Amino acid sequence: MRDFAASYPKNGMFGCSDRAIGFADGRLDPVEAARKVIVGYWCSQSNGCEQKRWAYLFKEGLIDKKTANVWADEVWPPPAKRSSV
């Protein structure tokens, strides 16, 4: 099993700096497991709380900036890619 946490600056949201956001089957590729958990978490925040897209990626780790932005585009499509209603 893999656990995933979101980090917030200096005891920000929820009164803590790290918050567990999900877990994935340890048999999944680490990047695919991260995508599944992170995109799912972002979707729940976007749909349930109307959270806007994050503005900054402070530190790259397993997931680089380019990949994080591609995943974010799945949740918050850039204006040119949004379908008109």
N, C-alpha and C. Protein backbone atom coordinates (compact mmCIF):
# COMPACT_ATOMS: atom_id res chain seq x y z
N MET A 1 0.84 -1.16 0.00
CA MET A 1 0.00 0.00 0.00
C MET A 1 0.89 1.24 0.00
N ARG A 2 0.45 2.26 -0.72
CA ARG A 2 1.15 3.55 -0.76
C ARG A 2 0.21 4.60 -0.18
N ASP A 3 0.75 5.43 0.72
CA ASP A 3 0.00 6.54 1.31
C ASP A 3 0.45 7.83 0.66
N PHE A 4 -0.49 8.76 0.51
CA PHE A 4 -0.18 10.06 -0.10
C PHE A 4 -0.66 11.17 0.81
N ALA A 5 0.14 12.23 0.88
CA ALA A 5 -0.20 13.39 1.72
C ALA A 5 -0.03 14.67 0.92
N ALA A 6 -0.85 15.66 1.26
CA ALA A 6 -0.71 17.00 0.70
C ALA A 6 -0.05 17.86 1.77
N SER A 7 0.87 18.70 1.36
CA SER A 7 1.55 19.59 2.30
C SER A 7 1.06 21.01 2.12
N TYR A 8 0.89 21.68 3.23
CA TYR A 8 0.43 23.06 3.25
C TYR A 8 1.48 23.92 3.94
N PRO A 9 1.61 25.18 3.55
CA PRO A 9 2.60 26.03 4.19
C PRO A 9 2.26 26.32 5.66
N LYS A 10 3.21 26.16 6.53
CA LYS A 10 3.17 26.61 7.93
C LYS A 10 1.83 26.49 8.62
N ASN A 11 1.42 25.31 8.95
CA ASN A 11 0.17 25.10 9.68
C ASN A 11 -1.01 25.83 9.05
N GLY A 12 -1.09 25.76 7.75
CA GLY A 12 -2.16 26.44 7.03
C GLY A 12 -3.51 25.79 7.22
N MET A 13 -4.01 25.23 6.16
CA MET A 13 -5.33 24.62 6.16
C MET A 13 -5.41 23.49 7.19
N PHE A 14 -6.50 23.39 7.88
CA PHE A 14 -6.77 22.31 8.84
C PHE A 14 -5.84 22.33 10.06
N GLY A 15 -5.07 23.39 10.25
CA GLY A 15 -4.20 23.49 11.42
C GLY A 15 -3.01 22.54 11.41
N CYS A 16 -2.65 22.04 10.26
CA CYS A 16 -1.48 21.15 10.17
C CYS A 16 -0.77 21.41 8.85
N SER A 17 0.45 20.90 8.74
CA SER A 17 1.19 21.15 7.51
C SER A 17 1.11 19.99 6.52
N ASP A 18 0.73 18.80 6.97
CA ASP A 18 0.56 17.65 6.08
C ASP A 18 -0.80 17.01 6.36
N ARG A 19 -1.43 16.54 5.30
CA ARG A 19 -2.73 15.91 5.44
C ARG A 19 -2.79 14.70 4.52
N ALA A 20 -3.19 13.56 5.06
CA ALA A 20 -3.35 12.36 4.24
C ALA A 20 -4.49 12.59 3.26
N ILE A 21 -4.24 12.30 1.97
CA ILE A 21 -5.28 12.51 0.96
C ILE A 21 -5.73 11.22 0.31
N GLY A 22 -5.03 10.13 0.56
CA GLY A 22 -5.46 8.88 -0.03
C GLY A 22 -4.39 7.82 0.00
N PHE A 23 -4.75 6.66 -0.52
CA PHE A 23 -3.82 5.54 -0.60
C PHE A 23 -4.10 4.76 -1.87
N ALA A 24 -3.14 3.98 -2.28
CA ALA A 24 -3.30 3.17 -3.49
C ALA A 24 -2.67 1.80 -3.27
N ASP A 25 -3.11 0.87 -4.06
CA ASP A 25 -2.59 -0.49 -4.05
C ASP A 25 -1.09 -0.45 -4.32
N GLY A 26 -0.32 -1.08 -3.48
CA GLY A 26 1.12 -1.11 -3.63
C GLY A 26 1.61 -1.83 -4.87
N ARG A 27 0.73 -2.54 -5.55
CA ARG A 27 1.13 -3.23 -6.77
C ARG A 27 1.13 -2.31 -7.99
N LEU A 28 0.50 -1.13 -7.87
CA LEU A 28 0.49 -0.18 -8.98
C LEU A 28 1.86 0.48 -9.13
N ASP A 29 2.18 0.87 -10.34
CA ASP A 29 3.36 1.68 -10.60
C ASP A 29 3.25 2.93 -9.72
N PRO A 30 4.33 3.38 -9.08
CA PRO A 30 4.25 4.53 -8.18
C PRO A 30 3.69 5.80 -8.82
N VAL A 31 4.06 6.07 -10.06
CA VAL A 31 3.55 7.28 -10.72
C VAL A 31 2.05 7.14 -11.02
N GLU A 32 1.63 5.98 -11.49
CA GLU A 32 0.21 5.77 -11.77
C GLU A 32 -0.60 5.81 -10.47
N ALA A 33 -0.06 5.25 -9.40
CA ALA A 33 -0.74 5.31 -8.10
C ALA A 33 -0.88 6.76 -7.65
N ALA A 34 0.18 7.54 -7.82
CA ALA A 34 0.14 8.96 -7.45
C ALA A 34 -0.90 9.70 -8.29
N ARG A 35 -0.94 9.44 -9.59
CA ARG A 35 -1.91 10.10 -10.46
C ARG A 35 -3.33 9.80 -10.01
N LYS A 36 -3.60 8.55 -9.73
CA LYS A 36 -4.93 8.14 -9.32
C LYS A 36 -5.37 8.87 -8.04
N VAL A 37 -4.51 8.91 -7.06
CA VAL A 37 -4.85 9.54 -5.78
C VAL A 37 -4.92 11.06 -5.92
N ILE A 38 -3.92 11.65 -6.54
CA ILE A 38 -3.85 13.11 -6.61
C ILE A 38 -4.98 13.68 -7.48
N VAL A 39 -5.19 13.13 -8.66
CA VAL A 39 -6.27 13.62 -9.53
C VAL A 39 -7.63 13.40 -8.86
N GLY A 40 -7.80 12.28 -8.20
CA GLY A 40 -9.06 12.04 -7.48
C GLY A 40 -9.28 13.05 -6.37
N TYR A 41 -8.22 13.37 -5.63
CA TYR A 41 -8.32 14.36 -4.56
C TYR A 41 -8.64 15.74 -5.13
N TRP A 42 -7.94 16.12 -6.17
CA TRP A 42 -8.21 17.42 -6.80
C TRP A 42 -9.64 17.50 -7.30
N CYS A 43 -10.13 16.43 -7.92
CA CYS A 43 -11.52 16.42 -8.42
C CYS A 43 -12.50 16.62 -7.27
N SER A 44 -12.28 15.95 -6.16
CA SER A 44 -13.19 16.10 -5.02
C SER A 44 -13.14 17.52 -4.48
N GLN A 45 -11.98 18.13 -4.48
CA GLN A 45 -11.85 19.51 -4.01
C GLN A 45 -12.50 20.48 -4.99
N SER A 46 -12.32 20.23 -6.26
CA SER A 46 -12.89 21.10 -7.29
C SER A 46 -14.41 20.99 -7.32
N ASN A 47 -14.93 19.77 -7.30
CA ASN A 47 -16.38 19.55 -7.40
C ASN A 47 -17.10 19.84 -6.09
N GLY A 48 -16.53 19.41 -4.98
CA GLY A 48 -17.21 19.55 -3.70
C GLY A 48 -17.01 20.89 -3.03
N CYS A 49 -15.87 21.51 -3.26
CA CYS A 49 -15.54 22.75 -2.56
C CYS A 49 -15.31 23.92 -3.51
N GLU A 50 -15.49 23.68 -4.79
CA GLU A 50 -15.25 24.70 -5.81
C GLU A 50 -13.83 25.29 -5.72
N GLN A 51 -12.90 24.44 -5.33
CA GLN A 51 -11.51 24.89 -5.24
C GLN A 51 -10.97 25.21 -6.62
N LYS A 52 -10.26 26.29 -6.72
CA LYS A 52 -9.61 26.68 -7.96
C LYS A 52 -8.28 25.93 -8.09
N ARG A 53 -7.75 25.94 -9.30
CA ARG A 53 -6.47 25.28 -9.57
C ARG A 53 -5.37 25.89 -8.72
N TRP A 54 -4.48 25.06 -8.27
CA TRP A 54 -3.35 25.53 -7.48
C TRP A 54 -2.48 26.44 -8.33
N ALA A 55 -1.77 27.33 -7.70
CA ALA A 55 -0.98 28.33 -8.43
C ALA A 55 0.50 27.98 -8.49
N TYR A 56 1.01 27.27 -7.51
CA TYR A 56 2.44 27.03 -7.44
C TYR A 56 2.75 25.57 -7.11
N LEU A 57 3.80 25.08 -7.68
CA LEU A 57 4.37 23.79 -7.30
C LEU A 57 5.71 24.13 -6.67
N PHE A 58 5.80 23.98 -5.37
CA PHE A 58 6.98 24.44 -4.66
C PHE A 58 8.17 23.50 -4.77
N LYS A 59 7.92 22.21 -4.92
CA LYS A 59 9.03 21.27 -4.95
C LYS A 59 8.64 20.04 -5.76
N GLU A 60 9.51 19.65 -6.67
CA GLU A 60 9.29 18.43 -7.44
C GLU A 60 9.86 17.24 -6.67
N GLY A 61 9.24 16.13 -6.85
CA GLY A 61 9.72 14.88 -6.25
C GLY A 61 9.53 13.79 -7.27
N LEU A 62 8.76 12.78 -6.91
CA LEU A 62 8.43 11.70 -7.85
C LEU A 62 7.73 12.27 -9.08
N ILE A 63 6.93 13.31 -8.87
CA ILE A 63 6.17 13.93 -9.95
C ILE A 63 6.80 15.27 -10.30
N ASP A 64 7.17 15.44 -11.57
CA ASP A 64 7.78 16.70 -11.98
C ASP A 64 6.71 17.74 -12.33
N LYS A 65 7.13 18.97 -12.53
CA LYS A 65 6.22 20.08 -12.79
C LYS A 65 5.37 19.85 -14.04
N LYS A 66 5.99 19.36 -15.11
CA LYS A 66 5.26 19.12 -16.35
C LYS A 66 4.13 18.12 -16.13
N THR A 67 4.42 17.02 -15.46
CA THR A 67 3.42 15.99 -15.19
C THR A 67 2.31 16.53 -14.30
N ALA A 68 2.67 17.26 -13.26
CA ALA A 68 1.67 17.83 -12.35
C ALA A 68 0.72 18.77 -13.11
N ASN A 69 1.26 19.55 -14.03
CA ASN A 69 0.41 20.45 -14.82
C ASN A 69 -0.51 19.69 -15.78
N VAL A 70 -0.02 18.61 -16.36
CA VAL A 70 -0.87 17.78 -17.23
C VAL A 70 -2.03 17.21 -16.42
N TRP A 71 -1.72 16.69 -15.23
CA TRP A 71 -2.77 16.14 -14.37
C TRP A 71 -3.75 17.23 -13.95
N ALA A 72 -3.25 18.41 -13.61
CA ALA A 72 -4.12 19.52 -13.20
C ALA A 72 -5.04 19.92 -14.35
N ASP A 73 -4.54 19.86 -15.59
CA ASP A 73 -5.37 20.19 -16.75
C ASP A 73 -6.56 19.23 -16.89
N GLU A 74 -6.43 18.00 -16.38
CA GLU A 74 -7.54 17.05 -16.40
C GLU A 74 -8.68 17.53 -15.50
N VAL A 75 -8.33 18.19 -14.41
CA VAL A 75 -9.31 18.64 -13.43
C VAL A 75 -9.79 20.06 -13.74
N TRP A 76 -8.84 20.93 -14.06
CA TRP A 76 -9.13 22.33 -14.36
C TRP A 76 -8.62 22.63 -15.75
N PRO A 77 -9.40 22.32 -16.80
CA PRO A 77 -8.92 22.54 -18.17
C PRO A 77 -8.59 24.02 -18.41
N PRO A 78 -7.53 24.28 -19.16
CA PRO A 78 -7.22 25.66 -19.53
C PRO A 78 -8.41 26.27 -20.27
N PRO A 79 -8.59 27.59 -20.20
CA PRO A 79 -9.77 28.23 -20.83
C PRO A 79 -9.99 27.83 -22.29
N ALA A 80 -8.93 27.70 -23.08
CA ALA A 80 -9.08 27.37 -24.50
C ALA A 80 -9.63 25.96 -24.69
N LYS A 81 -9.46 25.06 -23.71
CA LYS A 81 -9.89 23.68 -23.86
C LYS A 81 -11.26 23.40 -23.24
N ARG A 82 -11.82 24.37 -22.52
CA ARG A 82 -13.13 24.18 -21.90
C ARG A 82 -14.21 24.17 -22.96
N SER A 83 -15.15 23.28 -22.80
CA SER A 83 -16.25 23.24 -23.77
C SER A 83 -17.24 24.36 -23.45
N SER A 84 -17.76 24.97 -24.49
CA SER A 84 -18.74 26.03 -24.28
C SER A 84 -20.12 25.44 -24.05
N VAL A 85 -20.88 26.08 -23.20
CA VAL A 85 -22.21 25.58 -22.85
C VAL A 85 -23.25 26.41 -23.54
